[in-house]
PDB file of N, CA and C in Angstrom:
ATOM      1  N   MET A   1     108.307 176.900 158.034  1.00  0.00           N
ATOM      2  CA  MET A   1     107.125 176.413 158.118  1.00  0.00           C
ATOM      3  C   MET A   1     107.066 175.931 160.098  1.00  0.00           C
ATOM      4  N   GLY A   2     106.535 175.961 160.637  1.00  0.00           N
ATOM      5  CA  GLY A   2     107.155 175.708 162.689  1.00  0.00           C
ATOM      6  C   GLY A   2     106.785 174.253 162.482  1.00  0.00           C
ATOM      7  N   VAL A   3     106.288 173.208 161.733  1.00  0.00           N
ATOM      8  CA  VAL A   3     106.497 171.615 161.134  1.00  0.00           C
ATOM      9  C   VAL A   3     108.100 170.831 161.564  1.00  0.00           C
ATOM     10  N   ALA A   4     109.298 171.929 161.313  1.00  0.00           N
ATOM     11  CA  ALA A   4     110.245 170.988 161.465  1.00  0.00           C
ATOM     12  C   ALA A   4     110.343 171.632 162.814  1.00  0.00           C
ATOM     13  N   LEU A   5     110.316 173.135 163.848  1.00  0.00           N
ATOM     14  CA  LEU A   5     110.568 172.874 164.836  1.00  0.00           C
ATOM     15  C   LEU A   5     110.308 172.447 165.436  1.00  0.00           C
ATOM     16  N   ALA A   6     109.447 171.954 165.467  1.00  0.00           N
ATOM     17  CA  ALA A   6     108.167 170.795 166.704  1.00  0.00           C
ATOM     18  C   ALA A   6     108.647 169.400 166.140  1.00  0.00           C
ATOM     19  N   THR A   7     109.597 168.955 164.846  1.00  0.00           N
ATOM     20  CA  THR A   7     109.980 167.823 164.508  1.00  0.00           C
ATOM     21  C   THR A   7     111.202 167.646 165.712  1.00  0.00           C
ATOM     22  N   HIS A   8     110.278 165.841 166.331  1.00  0.00           N
ATOM     23  CA  HIS A   8     111.704 165.264 167.162  1.00  0.00           C
ATOM     24  C   HIS A   8     112.673 165.162 166.773  1.00  0.00           C
ATOM     25  N   CYS A   9     114.244 165.603 167.612  1.00  0.00           N
ATOM     26  CA  CYS A   9     114.877 164.970 166.699  1.00  0.00           C
ATOM     27  C   CYS A   9     116.373 164.148 166.765  1.00  0.00           C
ATOM     28  N   CYS A  10     115.371 164.037 168.440  1.00  0.00           N
ATOM     29  CA  CYS A  10     116.462 162.658 169.224  1.00  0.00           C
ATOM     30  C   CYS A  10     115.683 161.385 169.420  1.00  0.00           C
ATOM     31  N   ALA A  11     115.292 160.528 169.176  1.00  0.00           N
ATOM     32  CA  ALA A  11     114.284 159.812 168.593  1.00  0.00           C
ATOM     33  C   ALA A  11     114.069 158.514 169.801  1.00  0.00           C
ATOM     34  N   SER A  12     113.774 158.729 170.591  1.00  0.00           N
ATOM     35  CA  SER A  12     113.063 158.165 171.787  1.00  0.00           C
ATOM     36  C   SER A  12     112.093 156.988 171.757  1.00  0.00           C
ATOM     37  N   ASP A  13     111.908 155.697 172.773  1.00  0.00           N
ATOM     38  CA  ASP A  13     111.065 154.776 172.657  1.00  0.00           C
ATOM     39  C   ASP A  13     109.544 154.714 173.544  1.00  0.00           C
ATOM     40  N   GLU A  14     108.675 154.672 173.262  1.00  0.00           N
ATOM     41  CA  GLU A  14     107.194 155.472 173.644  1.00  0.00           C
ATOM     42  C   GLU A  14     106.989 155.415 174.809  1.00  0.00           C
ATOM     43  N   GLU A  15     107.931 154.111 175.902  1.00  0.00           N
ATOM     44  CA  GLU A  15     107.860 153.470 177.109  1.00  0.00           C
ATOM     45  C   GLU A  15     108.786 154.302 177.872  1.00  0.00           C
ATOM     46  N   GLU A  16     109.072 155.017 177.018  1.00  0.00           N
ATOM     47  CA  GLU A  16     110.208 156.233 177.579  1.00  0.00           C
ATOM     48  C   GLU A  16     109.502 157.762 178.148  1.00  0.00           C
ATOM     49  N   LYS A  17     108.018 157.951 177.783  1.00  0.00           N
ATOM     50  CA  LYS A  17     108.111 158.977 177.826  1.00  0.00           C
ATOM     51  C   LYS A  17     107.192 158.938 179.465  1.00  0.00           C
ATOM     52  N   PRO A  18     106.618 159.492 180.214  1.00  0.00           N
ATOM     53  CA  PRO A  18     105.617 160.461 181.316  1.00  0.00           C
ATOM     54  C   PRO A  18     104.604 159.814 180.398  1.00  0.00           C
ATOM     55  N   GLU A  19     103.496 158.798 181.335  1.00  0.00           N
ATOM     56  CA  GLU A  19     102.515 158.706 181.111  1.00  0.00           C
ATOM     57  C   GLU A  19     101.700 159.726 181.051  1.00  0.00           C
ATOM     58  N   ALA A  20     101.784 160.939 181.091  1.00  0.00           N
ATOM     59  CA  ALA A  20     100.812 162.120 180.906  1.00  0.00           C
ATOM     60  C   ALA A  20     100.634 162.188 179.093  1.00  0.00           C
ATOM     61  N   LEU A  21     102.618 162.011 178.659  1.00  0.00           N
ATOM     62  CA  LEU A  21     103.043 161.971 177.222  1.00  0.00           C
ATOM     63  C   LEU A  21     102.201 161.080 175.756  1.00  0.00           C
ATOM     64  N   LYS A  22     101.972 160.208 176.907  1.00  0.00           N
ATOM     65  CA  LYS A  22     101.770 159.660 175.577  1.00  0.00           C
ATOM     66  C   LYS A  22     100.373 158.824 175.187  1.00  0.00           C
ATOM     67  N   SER A  23      99.360 159.758 175.850  1.00  0.00           N
ATOM     68  CA  SER A  23      98.683 160.277 174.805  1.00  0.00           C
ATOM     69  C   SER A  23      97.996 161.048 174.244  1.00  0.00           C
ATOM     70  N   LEU A  24      99.197 162.417 174.415  1.00  0.00           N
ATOM     71  CA  LEU A  24      98.774 163.238 173.759  1.00  0.00           C
ATOM     72  C   LEU A  24      99.129 163.614 171.804  1.00  0.00           C
ATOM     73  N   LYS A  25      98.455 165.178 171.319  1.00  0.00           N
ATOM     74  CA  LYS A  25      98.972 164.907 170.231  1.00  0.00           C
ATOM     75  C   LYS A  25     100.596 165.151 170.299  1.00  0.00           C
ATOM     76  N   LYS A  26     100.730 165.275 169.014  1.00  0.00           N
ATOM     77  CA  LYS A  26     102.246 165.538 168.692  1.00  0.00           C
ATOM     78  C   LYS A  26     102.980 166.623 169.151  1.00  0.00           C
ATOM     79  N   ASP A  27     102.150 167.593 168.591  1.00  0.00           N
ATOM     80  CA  ASP A  27     101.834 170.076 168.461  1.00  0.00           C
ATOM     81  C   ASP A  27     101.728 170.199 170.510  1.00  0.00           C
ATOM     82  N   VAL A  28     101.032 169.404 171.234  1.00  0.00           N
ATOM     83  CA  VAL A  28     100.795 169.482 172.148  1.00  0.00           C
ATOM     84  C   VAL A  28     101.946 168.546 173.323  1.00  0.00           C
ATOM     85  N   ALA A  29     102.413 169.321 174.685  1.00  0.00           N
ATOM     86  CA  ALA A  29     103.298 169.239 175.586  1.00  0.00           C
ATOM     87  C   ALA A  29     102.844 169.669 176.615  1.00  0.00           C
ATOM     88  N   PHE A  30     103.403 168.587 177.637  1.00  0.00           N
ATOM     89  CA  PHE A  30     103.168 168.335 179.336  1.00  0.00           C
ATOM     90  C   PHE A  30     103.537 168.442 179.813  1.00  0.00           C
ATOM     91  N   VAL A  31     104.736 169.096 181.233  1.00  0.00           N
ATOM     92  CA  VAL A  31     105.972 168.165 182.368  1.00  0.00           C
ATOM     93  C   VAL A  31     105.076 169.049 182.845  1.00  0.00           C
ATOM     94  N   SER A  32     105.555 169.098 184.696  1.00  0.00           N
ATOM     95  CA  SER A  32     104.749 169.299 185.546  1.00  0.00           C
ATOM     96  C   SER A  32     105.939 170.528 185.552  1.00  0.00           C
ATOM     97  N   VAL A  33     104.945 171.837 186.327  1.00  0.00           N
ATOM     98  CA  VAL A  33     105.566 172.882 186.815  1.00  0.00           C
ATOM     99  C   VAL A  33     105.861 173.007 188.378  1.00  0.00           C
ATOM    100  N   SER A  34     107.615 174.174 188.550  1.00  0.00           N
ATOM    101  CA  SER A  34     107.691 173.959 189.707  1.00  0.00           C
ATOM    102  C   SER A  34     108.613 175.306 189.893  1.00  0.00           C
ATOM    103  N   LEU A  35     108.182 176.832 189.218  1.00  0.00           N
ATOM    104  CA  LEU A  35     108.764 178.023 189.332  1.00  0.00           C
ATOM    105  C   LEU A  35     108.600 178.981 190.851  1.00  0.00           C
ATOM    106  N   ASP A  36     108.436 178.100 191.730  1.00  0.00           N
ATOM    107  CA  ASP A  36     108.586 179.442 192.980  1.00  0.00           C
ATOM    108  C   ASP A  36     107.783 180.417 193.380  1.00  0.00           C
ATOM    109  N   LYS A  37     107.239 180.456 192.030  1.00  0.00           N
ATOM    110  CA  LYS A  37     105.123 181.167 191.875  1.00  0.00           C
ATOM    111  C   LYS A  37     106.004 182.754 191.970  1.00  0.00           C
ATOM    112  N   GLN A  38     106.446 182.352 190.550  1.00  0.00           N
ATOM    113  CA  GLN A  38     106.526 183.803 189.801  1.00  0.00           C
ATOM    114  C   GLN A  38     106.952 183.350 188.302  1.00  0.00           C
ATOM    115  N   PRO A  39     105.673 184.214 187.919  1.00  0.00           N
ATOM    116  CA  PRO A  39     105.078 184.641 186.393  1.00  0.00           C
ATOM    117  C   PRO A  39     105.850 182.866 185.502  1.00  0.00           C
ATOM    118  N   LEU A  40     105.355 182.523 184.646  1.00  0.00           N
ATOM    119  CA  LEU A  40     106.247 181.248 184.068  1.00  0.00           C
ATOM    120  C   LEU A  40     106.875 182.119 183.335  1.00  0.00           C
ATOM    121  N   THR A  41     106.417 183.447 182.480  1.00  0.00           N
ATOM    122  CA  THR A  41     107.102 183.594 180.991  1.00  0.00           C
ATOM    123  C   THR A  41     108.536 184.827 181.600  1.00  0.00           C
ATOM    124  N   GLU A  42     107.803 185.531 182.461  1.00  0.00           N
ATOM    125  CA  GLU A  42     108.858 185.516 183.827  1.00  0.00           C
ATOM    126  C   GLU A  42     110.582 184.990 183.887  1.00  0.00           C
ATOM    127  N   SER A  43     110.651 183.793 184.373  1.00  0.00           N
ATOM    128  CA  SER A  43     111.235 182.864 184.600  1.00  0.00           C
ATOM    129  C   SER A  43     112.057 182.047 183.302  1.00  0.00           C
ATOM    130  N   LEU A  44     111.190 182.560 182.287  1.00  0.00           N
ATOM    131  CA  LEU A  44     111.881 181.764 180.653  1.00  0.00           C
ATOM    132  C   LEU A  44     112.552 182.218 179.941  1.00  0.00           C
ATOM    133  N   GLN A  45     112.712 183.816 180.627  1.00  0.00           N
ATOM    134  CA  GLN A  45     113.660 185.077 179.749  1.00  0.00           C
ATOM    135  C   GLN A  45     115.159 183.906 179.482  1.00  0.00           C
ATOM    136  N   GLY A  46     115.948 184.373 177.940  1.00  0.00           N
ATOM    137  CA  GLY A  46     116.897 184.188 177.326  1.00  0.00           C
ATOM    138  C   GLY A  46     117.089 183.567 176.093  1.00  0.00           C
ATOM    139  N   ASN A  47     118.147 182.757 175.897  1.00  0.00           N
ATOM    140  CA  ASN A  47     118.293 181.675 174.507  1.00  0.00           C
ATOM    141  C   ASN A  47     118.286 180.464 174.105  1.00  0.00           C
ATOM    142  N   TRP A  48     117.660 180.148 174.222  1.00  0.00           N
ATOM    143  CA  TRP A  48     116.919 178.470 174.464  1.00  0.00           C
ATOM    144  C   TRP A  48     117.184 177.724 173.135  1.00  0.00           C
ATOM    145  N   TYR A  49     117.881 176.029 173.132  1.00  0.00           N
ATOM    146  CA  TYR A  49     118.332 175.665 172.239  1.00  0.00           C
ATOM    147  C   TYR A  49     117.721 173.701 172.263  1.00  0.00           C
ATOM    148  N   ARG A  50     117.579 173.964 171.064  1.00  0.00           N
ATOM    149  CA  ARG A  50     116.602 172.559 171.450  1.00  0.00           C
ATOM    150  C   ARG A  50     118.077 171.738 171.734  1.00  0.00           C
ATOM    151  N   GLN A  51     118.065 169.941 172.479  1.00  0.00           N
ATOM    152  CA  GLN A  51     118.885 169.564 173.640  1.00  0.00           C
ATOM    153  C   GLN A  51     119.576 168.746 172.962  1.00  0.00           C
ATOM    154  N   CYS A  52     118.343 167.913 171.767  1.00  0.00           N
ATOM    155  CA  CYS A  52     119.155 167.057 170.541  1.00  0.00           C
ATOM    156  C   CYS A  52     121.130 167.427 169.946  1.00  0.00           C
ATOM    157  N   ASP A  53     120.729 168.756 169.330  1.00  0.00           N
ATOM    158  CA  ASP A  53     121.494 169.002 168.980  1.00  0.00           C
ATOM    159  C   ASP A  53     122.257 170.992 168.587  1.00  0.00           C
ATOM    160  N   SER A  54     121.660 170.965 170.262  1.00  0.00           N
ATOM    161  CA  SER A  54     121.518 172.453 170.067  1.00  0.00           C
ATOM    162  C   SER A  54     121.416 173.607 169.589  1.00  0.00           C
ATOM    163  N   LYS A  55     120.584 173.213 167.846  1.00  0.00           N
ATOM    164  CA  LYS A  55     120.052 173.966 166.898  1.00  0.00           C
ATOM    165  C   LYS A  55     119.439 175.149 168.359  1.00  0.00           C
ATOM    166  N   HIS A  56     119.973 176.574 167.802  1.00  0.00           N
ATOM    167  CA  HIS A  56     119.154 178.221 168.613  1.00  0.00           C
ATOM    168  C   HIS A  56     117.758 177.649 168.392  1.00  0.00           C
ATOM    169  N   VAL A  57     117.066 177.792 168.991  1.00  0.00           N
ATOM    170  CA  VAL A  57     115.178 177.590 168.785  1.00  0.00           C
ATOM    171  C   VAL A  57     115.409 179.922 168.101  1.00  0.00           C
ATOM    172  N   GLY A  58     115.281 180.157 169.739  1.00  0.00           N
ATOM    173  CA  GLY A  58     114.600 181.733 169.604  1.00  0.00           C
ATOM    174  C   GLY A  58     116.054 182.208 170.703  1.00  0.00           C
ATOM    175  N   GLU A  59     115.325 183.362 170.926  1.00  0.00           N
ATOM    176  CA  GLU A  59     115.523 184.275 172.729  1.00  0.00           C
ATOM    177  C   GLU A  59     113.635 184.254 173.145  1.00  0.00           C
ATOM    178  N   ILE A  60     113.342 184.110 174.252  1.00  0.00           N
ATOM    179  CA  ILE A  60     112.528 184.805 174.786  1.00  0.00           C
ATOM    180  C   ILE A  60     113.162 185.910 175.621  1.00  0.00           C
ATOM    181  N   SER A  61     111.789 186.470 175.465  1.00  0.00           N
ATOM    182  CA  SER A  61     111.716 188.118 176.197  1.00  0.00           C
ATOM    183  C   SER A  61     110.629 189.147 176.289  1.00  0.00           C
ATOM    184  N   GLY A  62     110.438 188.901 177.438  1.00  0.00           N
ATOM    185  CA  GLY A  62     109.195 189.756 177.252  1.00  0.00           C
ATOM    186  C   GLY A  62     108.582 188.937 177.654  1.00  0.00           C
ATOM    187  N   SER A  63     107.165 188.148 177.122  1.00  0.00           N
ATOM    188  CA  SER A  63     106.382 188.042 176.754  1.00  0.00           C
ATOM    189  C   SER A  63     106.381 186.853 175.797  1.00  0.00           C
ATOM    190  N   ARG A  64     107.466 187.968 174.729  1.00  0.00           N
ATOM    191  CA  ARG A  64     107.537 186.860 172.986  1.00  0.00           C
ATOM    192  C   ARG A  64     108.527 185.153 173.378  1.00  0.00           C
ATOM    193  N   LEU A  65     108.353 185.289 172.094  1.00  0.00           N
ATOM    194  CA  LEU A  65     109.498 184.645 171.552  1.00  0.00           C
ATOM    195  C   LEU A  65     110.115 184.499 170.478  1.00  0.00           C
ATOM    196  N   PHE A  66     111.060 185.295 170.494  1.00  0.00           N
ATOM    197  CA  PHE A  66     111.523 185.528 169.172  1.00  0.00           C
ATOM    198  C   PHE A  66     112.799 184.880 168.307  1.00  0.00           C
ATOM    199  N   TRP A  67     111.664 184.054 167.398  1.00  0.00           N
ATOM    200  CA  TRP A  67     112.125 182.773 166.658  1.00  0.00           C
ATOM    201  C   TRP A  67     114.158 183.161 165.833  1.00  0.00           C
ATOM    202  N   ASN A  68     114.884 182.131 165.817  1.00  0.00           N
ATOM    203  CA  ASN A  68     115.786 182.015 164.971  1.00  0.00           C
ATOM    204  C   ASN A  68     115.769 182.248 163.735  1.00  0.00           C
ATOM    205  N   PRO A  69     115.495 183.112 162.920  1.00  0.00           N
ATOM    206  CA  PRO A  69     115.935 182.942 161.024  1.00  0.00           C
ATOM    207  C   PRO A  69     115.543 181.597 160.793  1.00  0.00           C
ATOM    208  N   GLN A  70     116.727 180.355 161.247  1.00  0.00           N
ATOM    209  CA  GLN A  70     116.818 179.332 161.017  1.00  0.00           C
ATOM    210  C   GLN A  70     115.721 177.762 160.195  1.00  0.00           C
ATOM    211  N   TRP A  71     114.722 179.191 161.605  1.00  0.00           N
ATOM    212  CA  TRP A  71     113.511 177.448 161.694  1.00  0.00           C
ATOM    213  C   TRP A  71     112.629 178.328 160.006  1.00  0.00           C
ATOM    214  N   GLY A  72     113.239 179.260 159.437  1.00  0.00           N
ATOM    215  CA  GLY A  72     112.228 180.012 158.188  1.00  0.00           C
ATOM    216  C   GLY A  72     109.837 180.302 158.498  1.00  0.00           C
ATOM    217  N   LEU A  73     109.809 180.743 160.134  1.00  0.00           N
ATOM    218  CA  LEU A  73     108.734 180.792 160.601  1.00  0.00           C
ATOM    219  C   LEU A  73     108.350 182.128 159.754  1.00  0.00           C
ATOM    220  N   ASN A  74     107.487 182.759 159.408  1.00  0.00           N
ATOM    221  CA  ASN A  74     106.853 183.616 158.391  1.00  0.00           C
ATOM    222  C   ASN A  74     107.311 184.896 159.612  1.00  0.00           C
ATOM    223  N   ASP A  75     106.648 185.182 161.241  1.00  0.00           N
ATOM    224  CA  ASP A  75     106.168 185.700 161.832  1.00  0.00           C
ATOM    225  C   ASP A  75     107.892 186.097 162.617  1.00  0.00           C
ATOM    226  N   VAL A  76     107.532 186.384 162.700  1.00  0.00           N
ATOM    227  CA  VAL A  76     109.118 186.623 163.545  1.00  0.00           C
ATOM    228  C   VAL A  76     109.297 186.332 164.830  1.00  0.00           C
ATOM    229  N   SER A  77     108.467 187.129 165.802  1.00  0.00           N
ATOM    230  CA  SER A  77     108.128 186.339 166.616  1.00  0.00           C
ATOM    231  C   SER A  77     106.715 185.551 167.193  1.00  0.00           C
ATOM    232  N   SER A  78     106.536 185.406 168.286  1.00  0.00           N
ATOM    233  CA  SER A  78     105.456 185.034 168.692  1.00  0.00           C
ATOM    234  C   SER A  78     104.666 185.380 169.961  1.00  0.00           C
ATOM    235  N   PRO A  79     104.077 184.884 170.563  1.00  0.00           N
ATOM    236  CA  PRO A  79     103.099 185.998 172.054  1.00  0.00           C
ATOM    237  C   PRO A  79     103.191 184.870 173.088  1.00  0.00           C
ATOM    238  N   LEU A  80     103.554 184.896 173.846  1.00  0.00           N
ATOM    239  CA  LEU A  80     104.029 183.339 174.558  1.00  0.00           C
ATOM    240  C   LEU A  80     102.869 184.159 176.301  1.00  0.00           C
ATOM    241  N   SER A  81     101.963 183.331 176.915  1.00  0.00           N
ATOM    242  CA  SER A  81     101.239 183.368 177.731  1.00  0.00           C
ATOM    243  C   SER A  81     101.112 182.546 178.935  1.00  0.00           C
ATOM    244  N   GLU A  82     100.837 181.889 180.409  1.00  0.00           N
ATOM    245  CA  GLU A  82     100.817 181.660 181.019  1.00  0.00           C
ATOM    246  C   GLU A  82      98.932 180.738 180.921  1.00  0.00           C
ATOM    247  N   GLY A  83      99.478 180.413 180.527  1.00  0.00           N
ATOM    248  CA  GLY A  83      97.241 179.106 180.693  1.00  0.00           C
ATOM    249  C   GLY A  83      97.341 178.451 182.296  1.00  0.00           C
ATOM    250  N   SER A  84      96.359 177.546 181.793  1.00  0.00           N
ATOM    251  CA  SER A  84      96.131 177.320 182.725  1.00  0.00           C
ATOM    252  C   SER A  84      96.331 176.305 183.708  1.00  0.00           C
ATOM    253  N   SER A  85      96.813 175.642 183.984  1.00  0.00           N
ATOM    254  CA  SER A  85      97.636 175.242 184.696  1.00  0.00           C
ATOM    255  C   SER A  85      98.971 175.269 185.102  1.00  0.00           C
ATOM    256  N   GLY A  86      99.354 176.795 185.232  1.00  0.00           N
ATOM    257  CA  GLY A  86     100.923 176.565 184.196  1.00  0.00           C
ATOM    258  C   GLY A  86     101.304 175.149 182.748  1.00  0.00           C
ATOM    259  N   LEU A  87     100.951 176.172 182.428  1.00  0.00           N
ATOM    260  CA  LEU A  87     100.590 176.178 181.123  1.00  0.00           C
ATOM    261  C   LEU A  87     101.419 176.694 180.091  1.00  0.00           C
ATOM    262  N   LEU A  88     102.989 177.432 179.856  1.00  0.00           N
ATOM    263  CA  LEU A  88     103.048 177.421 178.401  1.00  0.00           C
ATOM    264  C   LEU A  88     102.308 177.143 177.006  1.00  0.00           C
ATOM    265  N   VAL A  89     101.578 178.696 176.788  1.00  0.00           N
ATOM    266  CA  VAL A  89     100.195 178.533 175.897  1.00  0.00           C
ATOM    267  C   VAL A  89     101.430 180.044 174.451  1.00  0.00           C
ATOM    268  N   VAL A  90     101.856 179.053 173.307  1.00  0.00           N
ATOM    269  CA  VAL A  90     102.500 179.567 172.471  1.00  0.00           C
ATOM    270  C   VAL A  90     101.644 180.272 170.974  1.00  0.00           C
ATOM    271  N   GLN A  91     101.442 181.198 170.691  1.00  0.00           N
ATOM    272  CA  GLN A  91     100.761 181.030 169.193  1.00  0.00           C
ATOM    273  C   GLN A  91     101.526 181.573 168.834  1.00  0.00           C
ATOM    274  N   MET A  92     101.668 180.381 167.445  1.00  0.00           N
ATOM    275  CA  MET A  92     102.764 179.738 166.291  1.00  0.00           C
ATOM    276  C   MET A  92     102.174 180.289 164.975  1.00  0.00           C
ATOM    277  N   GLU A  93     102.263 181.109 164.538  1.00  0.00           N
ATOM    278  CA  GLU A  93     101.833 181.722 163.016  1.00  0.00           C
ATOM    279  C   GLU A  93     100.420 180.964 163.325  1.00  0.00           C
ATOM    280  N   ASP A  94      99.438 180.585 163.476  1.00  0.00           N
ATOM    281  CA  ASP A  94      98.218 179.557 163.152  1.00  0.00           C
ATOM    282  C   ASP A  94      97.623 178.285 163.460  1.00  0.00           C
ATOM    283  N   GLU A  95      98.973 178.327 164.557  1.00  0.00           N
ATOM    284  CA  GLU A  95      98.372 177.031 165.455  1.00  0.00           C
ATOM    285  C   GLU A  95      99.415 178.110 166.838  1.00  0.00           C
ATOM    286  N   THR A  96      97.881 177.335 167.671  1.00  0.00           N
ATOM    287  CA  THR A  96      98.100 177.766 169.473  1.00  0.00           C
ATOM    288  C   THR A  96      99.458 176.264 169.355  1.00  0.00           C
ATOM    289  N   ARG A  97      99.870 175.885 170.470  1.00  0.00           N
ATOM    290  CA  ARG A  97     100.969 174.998 171.309  1.00  0.00           C
ATOM    291  C   ARG A  97     101.188 175.409 172.391  1.00  0.00           C
ATOM    292  N   TYR A  98     100.937 174.016 173.058  1.00  0.00           N
ATOM    293  CA  TYR A  98     101.162 174.824 174.260  1.00  0.00           C
ATOM    294  C   TYR A  98     102.569 173.227 175.593  1.00  0.00           C
ATOM    295  N   ALA A  99     103.057 173.651 176.374  1.00  0.00           N
ATOM    296  CA  ALA A  99     104.056 172.962 176.787  1.00  0.00           C
ATOM    297  C   ALA A  99     104.364 173.661 178.277  1.00  0.00           C
ATOM    298  N   THR A 100     104.720 172.928 179.027  1.00  0.00           N
ATOM    299  CA  THR A 100     105.561 172.904 180.095  1.00  0.00           C
ATOM    300  C   THR A 100     106.603 173.110 180.429  1.00  0.00           C
ATOM    301  N   VAL A 101     106.578 173.329 181.500  1.00  0.00           N
ATOM    302  CA  VAL A 101     108.017 173.958 182.398  1.00  0.00           C
ATOM    303  C   VAL A 101     108.524 172.716 183.657  1.00  0.00           C
ATOM    304  N   THR A 102     109.807 171.891 182.970  1.00  0.00           N
ATOM    305  CA  THR A 102     109.993 171.535 184.430  1.00  0.00           C
ATOM    306  C   THR A 102     111.617 172.639 184.452  1.00  0.00           C
ATOM    307  N   THR A 103     112.026 172.085 186.256  1.00  0.00           N
ATOM    308  CA  THR A 103     113.495 173.379 187.066  1.00  0.00           C
ATOM    309  C   THR A 103     113.552 172.353 187.152  1.00  0.00           C
ATOM    310  N   LYS A 104     114.195 170.626 187.023  1.00  0.00           N
ATOM    311  CA  LYS A 104     114.866 170.363 187.612  1.00  0.00           C
ATOM    312  C   LYS A 104     115.277 169.557 186.070  1.00  0.00           C
ATOM    313  N   PRO A 105     117.257 169.222 186.480  1.00  0.00           N
ATOM    314  CA  PRO A 105     117.873 168.924 187.171  1.00  0.00           C
ATOM    315  C   PRO A 105     118.261 170.622 186.444  1.00  0.00           C
ATOM    316  N   GLN A 106     117.798 170.990 185.015  1.00  0.00           N
ATOM    317  CA  GLN A 106     117.885 172.961 184.415  1.00  0.00           C
ATOM    318  C   GLN A 106     117.296 173.136 184.041  1.00  0.00           C
ATOM    319  N   THR A 107     116.046 174.243 183.899  1.00  0.00           N
ATOM    320  CA  THR A 107     114.947 174.892 183.188  1.00  0.00           C
ATOM    321  C   THR A 107     114.761 174.214 181.981  1.00  0.00           C
ATOM    322  N   SER A 108     113.855 173.423 181.859  1.00  0.00           N
ATOM    323  CA  SER A 108     113.490 173.305 180.401  1.00  0.00           C
ATOM    324  C   SER A 108     112.442 172.771 180.100  1.00  0.00           C
ATOM    325  N   ILE A 109     111.885 173.517 178.282  1.00  0.00           N
ATOM    326  CA  ILE A 109     110.912 172.217 177.886  1.00  0.00           C
ATOM    327  C   ILE A 109     110.285 171.523 177.013  1.00  0.00           C
ATOM    328  N   MET A 110     109.385 170.854 177.243  1.00  0.00           N
ATOM    329  CA  MET A 110     109.741 169.470 177.113  1.00  0.00           C
ATOM    330  C   MET A 110     107.840 169.778 176.405  1.00  0.00           C
ATOM    331  N   TRP A 111     108.491 168.882 174.705  1.00  0.00           N
ATOM    332  CA  TRP A 111     106.823 168.376 174.602  1.00  0.00           C
ATOM    333  C   TRP A 111     106.822 168.069 173.939  1.00  0.00           C
ATOM    334  N   ALA A 112     105.237 166.928 173.376  1.00  0.00           N
ATOM    335  CA  ALA A 112     105.053 165.902 173.512  1.00  0.00           C
ATOM    336  C   ALA A 112     105.673 164.501 172.511  1.00  0.00           C
ATOM    337  N   ASP A 113     106.514 165.575 171.699  1.00  0.00           N
ATOM    338  CA  ASP A 113     106.971 164.806 170.271  1.00  0.00           C
ATOM    339  C   ASP A 113     108.503 163.930 171.021  1.00  0.00           C
ATOM    340  N   GLY A 114     109.144 164.399 171.911  1.00  0.00           N
ATOM    341  CA  GLY A 114     109.718 164.189 172.900  1.00  0.00           C
ATOM    342  C   GLY A 114     111.091 165.289 172.644  1.00  0.00           C
ATOM    343  N   ASP A 115     110.713 166.297 172.069  1.00  0.00           N
ATOM    344  CA  ASP A 115     111.780 167.413 171.803  1.00  0.00           C
ATOM    345  C   ASP A 115     111.690 167.960 173.250  1.00  0.00           C
ATOM    346  N   VAL A 116     112.860 168.506 172.732  1.00  0.00           N
ATOM    347  CA  VAL A 116     113.040 169.147 174.511  1.00  0.00           C
ATOM    348  C   VAL A 116     114.406 170.225 173.847  1.00  0.00           C
ATOM    349  N   TRP A 117     113.866 172.287 174.507  1.00  0.00           N
ATOM    350  CA  TRP A 117     114.500 172.696 174.339  1.00  0.00           C
ATOM    351  C   TRP A 117     115.017 173.120 176.577  1.00  0.00           C
ATOM    352  N   ILE A 118     116.517 173.635 176.015  1.00  0.00           N
ATOM    353  CA  ILE A 118     117.318 174.202 177.216  1.00  0.00           C
ATOM    354  C   ILE A 118     117.787 175.458 177.384  1.00  0.00           C
ATOM    355  N   ARG A 119     118.139 176.091 178.318  1.00  0.00           N
ATOM    356  CA  ARG A 119     119.320 177.161 178.188  1.00  0.00           C
ATOM    357  C   ARG A 119     120.621 176.293 178.531  1.00  0.00           C
ATOM    358  N   THR A 120     121.262 177.347 177.361  1.00  0.00           N
ATOM    359  CA  THR A 120     122.731 176.970 178.027  1.00  0.00           C
ATOM    360  C   THR A 120     123.457 178.469 178.628  1.00  0.00           C
TER     361      THR A 120
END
């Protein structure tokens, strides 16, 4: 199930989260986007890993996220798109999840529960 994927693996205090993240549901994330005007999904191509344990999440290719089989998801891939205000929209099984991307110091996707995905 997708729930295990979004579970935060690196515990952090609520005080360390940006103010915008503190009041959100656990399955939604918001981080500032700064991508030099190129399409969001185009800037995210490649393999993604959880920052806290380096587990491979999957690969973004085109406008799809191809999940690593270790997550046991029913869908092999999920569509990605850019939503309003630069949000990354991921349709994961029967849920829509939202994230945004930061490019500094490296490109990363941060979820409301504190889970962070990075490319290596």
